[in-house]
């Protein structure tokens, strides 16, 4: 797994993931809010499988 998400992309993913999880925990949104685990994980690992399939790289460093 080579990193394919840049720093800004990773921070935005982590924030969105945390917000969705927080909303799910407080009951503001339904159980679908737990999908926030996906952007949180991709932000933490710096790798997005969908980006790999589509050939997108926001990392800035060529593999």
PDB file of N, CA and C in Angstrom:
ATOM      1  N   UNK A   1       0.837  -1.181   0.000  1.00  0.00           N
ATOM      2  CA  UNK A   1       0.000   0.000   0.000  1.00  0.00           C
ATOM      3  C   UNK A   1       0.878   1.239   0.000  1.00  0.00           C
ATOM      4  N   UNK A   2       0.922   1.919  -1.094  1.00  0.00           N
ATOM      5  CA  UNK A   2       1.645   3.166  -1.207  1.00  0.00           C
ATOM      6  C   UNK A   2       0.685   4.309  -0.921  1.00  0.00           C
ATOM      7  N   UNK A   3       1.130   5.281  -0.156  1.00  0.00           N
ATOM      8  CA  UNK A   3       0.280   6.425   0.178  1.00  0.00           C
ATOM      9  C   UNK A   3      -0.181   7.118  -1.095  1.00  0.00           C
ATOM     10  N   UNK A   4      -1.469   7.410  -1.158  1.00  0.00           N
ATOM     11  CA  UNK A   4      -1.998   8.108  -2.322  1.00  0.00           C
ATOM     12  C   UNK A   4      -2.912   9.267  -1.926  1.00  0.00           C
ATOM     13  N   UNK A   5      -2.890   9.655  -0.643  1.00  0.00           N
ATOM     14  CA  UNK A   5      -3.655  10.815  -0.201  1.00  0.00           C
ATOM     15  C   UNK A   5      -2.707  11.815   0.440  1.00  0.00           C
ATOM     16  N   UNK A   6      -2.873  13.074   0.076  1.00  0.00           N
ATOM     17  CA  UNK A   6      -2.026  14.136   0.601  1.00  0.00           C
ATOM     18  C   UNK A   6      -2.450  14.554   2.002  1.00  0.00           C
ATOM     19  N   UNK A   7      -1.688  15.451   2.587  1.00  0.00           N
ATOM     20  CA  UNK A   7      -1.939  15.884   3.960  1.00  0.00           C
ATOM     21  C   UNK A   7      -3.295  16.559   4.134  1.00  0.00           C
ATOM     22  N   UNK A   8      -3.651  17.456   3.229  1.00  0.00           N
ATOM     23  CA  UNK A   8      -4.943  18.142   3.334  1.00  0.00           C
ATOM     24  C   UNK A   8      -6.077  17.140   3.166  1.00  0.00           C
ATOM     25  N   UNK A   9      -5.937  16.256   2.206  1.00  0.00           N
ATOM     26  CA  UNK A   9      -6.931  15.210   1.966  1.00  0.00           C
ATOM     27  C   UNK A   9      -7.101  14.341   3.207  1.00  0.00           C
ATOM     28  N   UNK A  10      -6.005  13.959   3.827  1.00  0.00           N
ATOM     29  CA  UNK A  10      -6.043  13.110   5.022  1.00  0.00           C
ATOM     30  C   UNK A  10      -6.721  13.824   6.187  1.00  0.00           C
ATOM     31  N   UNK A  11      -6.404  15.104   6.379  1.00  0.00           N
ATOM     32  CA  UNK A  11      -7.014  15.861   7.477  1.00  0.00           C
ATOM     33  C   UNK A  11      -8.515  16.018   7.270  1.00  0.00           C
ATOM     34  N   UNK A  12      -8.930  16.316   6.038  1.00  0.00           N
ATOM     35  CA  UNK A  12     -10.354  16.461   5.751  1.00  0.00           C
ATOM     36  C   UNK A  12     -11.099  15.141   5.965  1.00  0.00           C
ATOM     37  N   UNK A  13     -10.501  14.050   5.529  1.00  0.00           N
ATOM     38  CA  UNK A  13     -11.122  12.739   5.723  1.00  0.00           C
ATOM     39  C   UNK A  13     -11.274  12.422   7.207  1.00  0.00           C
ATOM     40  N   UNK A  14     -10.234  12.694   7.980  1.00  0.00           N
ATOM     41  CA  UNK A  14     -10.286  12.418   9.414  1.00  0.00           C
ATOM     42  C   UNK A  14     -11.359  13.269  10.096  1.00  0.00           C
ATOM     43  N   UNK A  15     -11.436  14.542   9.732  1.00  0.00           N
ATOM     44  CA  UNK A  15     -12.449  15.418  10.336  1.00  0.00           C
ATOM     45  C   UNK A  15     -13.864  14.968   9.983  1.00  0.00           C
ATOM     46  N   UNK A  16     -14.095  14.645   8.717  1.00  0.00           N
ATOM     47  CA  UNK A  16     -15.417  14.176   8.291  1.00  0.00           C
ATOM     48  C   UNK A  16     -15.766  12.882   9.021  1.00  0.00           C
ATOM     49  N   UNK A  17     -14.815  11.979   9.110  1.00  0.00           N
ATOM     50  CA  UNK A  17     -15.050  10.721   9.812  1.00  0.00           C
ATOM     51  C   UNK A  17     -15.395  10.934  11.270  1.00  0.00           C
ATOM     52  N   UNK A  18     -14.649  11.796  11.947  1.00  0.00           N
ATOM     53  CA  UNK A  18     -14.924  12.066  13.356  1.00  0.00           C
ATOM     54  C   UNK A  18     -16.279  12.735  13.560  1.00  0.00           C
ATOM     55  N   UNK A  19     -16.642  13.657  12.673  1.00  0.00           N
ATOM     56  CA  UNK A  19     -17.944  14.315  12.773  1.00  0.00           C
ATOM     57  C   UNK A  19     -19.065  13.297  12.584  1.00  0.00           C
ATOM     58  N   UNK A  20     -18.958  12.457  11.572  1.00  0.00           N
ATOM     59  CA  UNK A  20     -20.001  11.448  11.338  1.00  0.00           C
ATOM     60  C   UNK A  20     -20.129  10.482  12.510  1.00  0.00           C
ATOM     61  N   UNK A  21     -19.016  10.046  13.054  1.00  0.00           N
ATOM     62  CA  UNK A  21     -19.048   9.124  14.194  1.00  0.00           C
ATOM     63  C   UNK A  21     -19.648   9.830  15.412  1.00  0.00           C
ATOM     64  N   UNK A  22     -19.263  11.073  15.630  1.00  0.00           N
ATOM     65  CA  UNK A  22     -19.822  11.840  16.740  1.00  0.00           C
ATOM     66  C   UNK A  22     -21.318  12.026  16.614  1.00  0.00           C
ATOM     67  N   UNK A  23     -21.787  12.319  15.403  1.00  0.00           N
ATOM     68  CA  UNK A  23     -23.226  12.468  15.178  1.00  0.00           C
ATOM     69  C   UNK A  23     -23.959  11.147  15.385  1.00  0.00           C
ATOM     70  N   UNK A  24     -23.348  10.061  15.008  1.00  0.00           N
ATOM     71  CA  UNK A  24     -23.970   8.751  15.209  1.00  0.00           C
ATOM     72  C   UNK A  24     -24.027   8.405  16.689  1.00  0.00           C
ATOM     73  N   UNK A  25     -22.975   8.748  17.434  1.00  0.00           N
ATOM     74  CA  UNK A  25     -22.939   8.441  18.863  1.00  0.00           C
ATOM     75  C   UNK A  25     -23.971   9.245  19.648  1.00  0.00           C
ATOM     76  N   UNK A  26     -24.226  10.471  19.228  1.00  0.00           N
ATOM     77  CA  UNK A  26     -25.190  11.306  19.936  1.00  0.00           C
ATOM     78  C   UNK A  26     -26.622  11.070  19.470  1.00  0.00           C
ATOM     79  N   UNK A  27     -26.791  10.292  18.432  1.00  0.00           N
ATOM     80  CA  UNK A  27     -28.134   9.963  17.958  1.00  0.00           C
ATOM     81  C   UNK A  27     -28.729  10.999  17.019  1.00  0.00           C
ATOM     82  N   UNK A  28     -27.948  11.975  16.597  1.00  0.00           N
ATOM     83  CA  UNK A  28     -28.448  13.005  15.689  1.00  0.00           C
ATOM     84  C   UNK A  28     -28.720  12.412  14.312  1.00  0.00           C
ATOM     85  N   UNK A  29     -27.853  11.541  13.878  1.00  0.00           N
ATOM     86  CA  UNK A  29     -28.076  10.825  12.614  1.00  0.00           C
ATOM     87  C   UNK A  29     -28.277   9.355  12.955  1.00  0.00           C
ATOM     88  N   UNK A  30     -28.772   8.612  12.033  1.00  0.00           N
ATOM     89  CA  UNK A  30     -29.007   7.190  12.271  1.00  0.00           C
ATOM     90  C   UNK A  30     -27.722   6.388  12.267  1.00  0.00           C
ATOM     91  N   UNK A  31     -27.901   5.107  12.175  1.00  0.00           N
ATOM     92  CA  UNK A  31     -26.771   4.183  12.199  1.00  0.00           C
ATOM     93  C   UNK A  31     -25.844   4.383  11.000  1.00  0.00           C
ATOM     94  N   UNK A  32     -26.326   5.012   9.940  1.00  0.00           N
ATOM     95  CA  UNK A  32     -25.477   5.226   8.769  1.00  0.00           C
ATOM     96  C   UNK A  32     -24.290   6.125   9.102  1.00  0.00           C
ATOM     97  N   UNK A  33     -24.352   6.866  10.179  1.00  0.00           N
ATOM     98  CA  UNK A  33     -23.251   7.741  10.571  1.00  0.00           C
ATOM     99  C   UNK A  33     -21.980   6.982  10.893  1.00  0.00           C
ATOM    100  N   UNK A  34     -22.130   5.695  11.218  1.00  0.00           N
ATOM    101  CA  UNK A  34     -20.942   4.879  11.513  1.00  0.00           C
ATOM    102  C   UNK A  34     -20.103   4.631  10.264  1.00  0.00           C
ATOM    103  N   UNK A  35     -20.610   5.007   9.108  1.00  0.00           N
ATOM    104  CA  UNK A  35     -19.810   4.908   7.886  1.00  0.00           C
ATOM    105  C   UNK A  35     -18.607   5.848   7.977  1.00  0.00           C
ATOM    106  N   UNK A  36     -18.619   6.754   8.957  1.00  0.00           N
ATOM    107  CA  UNK A  36     -17.499   7.648   9.192  1.00  0.00           C
ATOM    108  C   UNK A  36     -16.207   6.924   9.517  1.00  0.00           C
ATOM    109  N   UNK A  37     -16.320   5.646   9.856  1.00  0.00           N
ATOM    110  CA  UNK A  37     -15.120   4.843  10.111  1.00  0.00           C
ATOM    111  C   UNK A  37     -14.275   4.734   8.843  1.00  0.00           C
ATOM    112  N   UNK A  38     -14.916   4.704   7.693  1.00  0.00           N
ATOM    113  CA  UNK A  38     -14.190   4.551   6.424  1.00  0.00           C
ATOM    114  C   UNK A  38     -13.301   5.767   6.139  1.00  0.00           C
ATOM    115  N   UNK A  39     -13.843   7.005   6.131  1.00  0.00           N
ATOM    116  CA  UNK A  39     -12.931   8.128   5.883  1.00  0.00           C
ATOM    117  C   UNK A  39     -11.907   8.320   6.998  1.00  0.00           C
ATOM    118  N   UNK A  40     -12.273   7.965   8.227  1.00  0.00           N
ATOM    119  CA  UNK A  40     -11.319   8.063   9.320  1.00  0.00           C
ATOM    120  C   UNK A  40     -10.145   7.106   9.101  1.00  0.00           C
ATOM    121  N   UNK A  41     -10.442   5.894   8.686  1.00  0.00           N
ATOM    122  CA  UNK A  41      -9.383   4.901   8.441  1.00  0.00           C
ATOM    123  C   UNK A  41      -8.517   5.293   7.239  1.00  0.00           C
ATOM    124  N   UNK A  42      -9.144   5.737   6.161  1.00  0.00           N
ATOM    125  CA  UNK A  42      -8.351   6.112   4.989  1.00  0.00           C
ATOM    126  C   UNK A  42      -7.493   7.339   5.284  1.00  0.00           C
ATOM    127  N   UNK A  43      -7.985   8.236   6.130  1.00  0.00           N
ATOM    128  CA  UNK A  43      -7.179   9.383   6.537  1.00  0.00           C
ATOM    129  C   UNK A  43      -6.022   8.969   7.419  1.00  0.00           C
ATOM    130  N   UNK A  44      -6.255   8.007   8.292  1.00  0.00           N
ATOM    131  CA  UNK A  44      -5.205   7.554   9.207  1.00  0.00           C
ATOM    132  C   UNK A  44      -4.104   6.790   8.469  1.00  0.00           C
ATOM    133  N   UNK A  45      -4.500   5.959   7.517  1.00  0.00           N
ATOM    134  CA  UNK A  45      -3.523   5.140   6.801  1.00  0.00           C
ATOM    135  C   UNK A  45      -2.901   5.856   5.605  1.00  0.00           C
ATOM    136  N   UNK A  46      -3.561   6.911   5.101  1.00  0.00           N
ATOM    137  CA  UNK A  46      -3.020   7.630   3.952  1.00  0.00           C
ATOM    138  C   UNK A  46      -3.196   6.893   2.648  1.00  0.00           C
ATOM    139  N   UNK A  47      -4.064   5.906   2.639  1.00  0.00           N
ATOM    140  CA  UNK A  47      -4.288   5.099   1.440  1.00  0.00           C
ATOM    141  C   UNK A  47      -5.782   4.959   1.205  1.00  0.00           C
ATOM    142  N   UNK A  48      -6.216   5.230  -0.015  1.00  0.00           N
ATOM    143  CA  UNK A  48      -7.612   5.088  -0.390  1.00  0.00           C
ATOM    144  C   UNK A  48      -7.704   4.079  -1.542  1.00  0.00           C
ATOM    145  N   UNK A  49      -8.363   2.934  -1.308  1.00  0.00           N
ATOM    146  CA  UNK A  49      -8.475   1.929  -2.372  1.00  0.00           C
ATOM    147  C   UNK A  49      -9.192   2.452  -3.618  1.00  0.00           C
ATOM    148  N   UNK A  50     -10.188   3.302  -3.433  1.00  0.00           N
ATOM    149  CA  UNK A  50     -10.909   3.849  -4.582  1.00  0.00           C
ATOM    150  C   UNK A  50      -9.985   4.735  -5.424  1.00  0.00           C
ATOM    151  N   UNK A  51      -9.144   5.520  -4.769  1.00  0.00           N
ATOM    152  CA  UNK A  51      -8.170   6.331  -5.500  1.00  0.00           C
ATOM    153  C   UNK A  51      -7.257   5.449  -6.335  1.00  0.00           C
ATOM    154  N   UNK A  52      -6.853   4.313  -5.802  1.00  0.00           N
ATOM    155  CA  UNK A  52      -5.983   3.396  -6.554  1.00  0.00           C
ATOM    156  C   UNK A  52      -6.677   2.881  -7.798  1.00  0.00           C
ATOM    157  N   UNK A  53      -7.943   2.513  -7.652  1.00  0.00           N
ATOM    158  CA  UNK A  53      -8.686   1.986  -8.803  1.00  0.00           C
ATOM    159  C   UNK A  53      -8.888   3.049  -9.875  1.00  0.00           C
ATOM    160  N   UNK A  54      -9.052   4.313  -9.449  1.00  0.00           N
ATOM    161  CA  UNK A  54      -9.293   5.385 -10.399  1.00  0.00           C
ATOM    162  C   UNK A  54      -8.011   6.077 -10.877  1.00  0.00           C
ATOM    163  N   UNK A  55      -6.874   5.714 -10.289  1.00  0.00           N
ATOM    164  CA  UNK A  55      -5.595   6.304 -10.679  1.00  0.00           C
ATOM    165  C   UNK A  55      -5.381   7.700 -10.147  1.00  0.00           C
ATOM    166  N   UNK A  56      -6.009   8.034  -9.026  1.00  0.00           N
ATOM    167  CA  UNK A  56      -5.882   9.360  -8.437  1.00  0.00           C
ATOM    168  C   UNK A  56      -4.807   9.344  -7.367  1.00  0.00           C
ATOM    169  N   UNK A  57      -4.022  10.405  -7.308  1.00  0.00           N
ATOM    170  CA  UNK A  57      -2.987  10.516  -6.285  1.00  0.00           C
ATOM    171  C   UNK A  57      -2.908  11.972  -5.850  1.00  0.00           C
ATOM    172  N   UNK A  58      -3.311  12.269  -4.610  1.00  0.00           N
ATOM    173  CA  UNK A  58      -3.239  13.632  -4.100  1.00  0.00           C
ATOM    174  C   UNK A  58      -2.035  13.822  -3.188  1.00  0.00           C
ATOM    175  N   UNK A  59      -1.190  12.823  -3.116  1.00  0.00           N
ATOM    176  CA  UNK A  59      -0.053  12.836  -2.212  1.00  0.00           C
ATOM    177  C   UNK A  59       1.004  13.853  -2.647  1.00  0.00           C
ATOM    178  N   UNK A  60       1.138  14.089  -3.914  1.00  0.00           N
ATOM    179  CA  UNK A  60       2.140  15.020  -4.398  1.00  0.00           C
ATOM    180  C   UNK A  60       3.456  14.367  -4.735  1.00  0.00           C
ATOM    181  N   UNK A  61       3.701  13.182  -4.208  1.00  0.00           N
ATOM    182  CA  UNK A  61       4.932  12.440  -4.483  1.00  0.00           C
ATOM    183  C   UNK A  61       4.587  11.331  -5.467  1.00  0.00           C
ATOM    184  N   UNK A  62       5.285  11.286  -6.545  1.00  0.00           N
ATOM    185  CA  UNK A  62       5.040  10.245  -7.541  1.00  0.00           C
ATOM    186  C   UNK A  62       5.546   8.905  -7.035  1.00  0.00           C
ATOM    187  N   UNK A  63       4.725   7.839  -7.171  1.00  0.00           N
ATOM    188  CA  UNK A  63       5.168   6.501  -6.686  1.00  0.00           C
ATOM    189  C   UNK A  63       6.289   5.939  -7.520  1.00  0.00           C
TER     190      UNK A  63
END
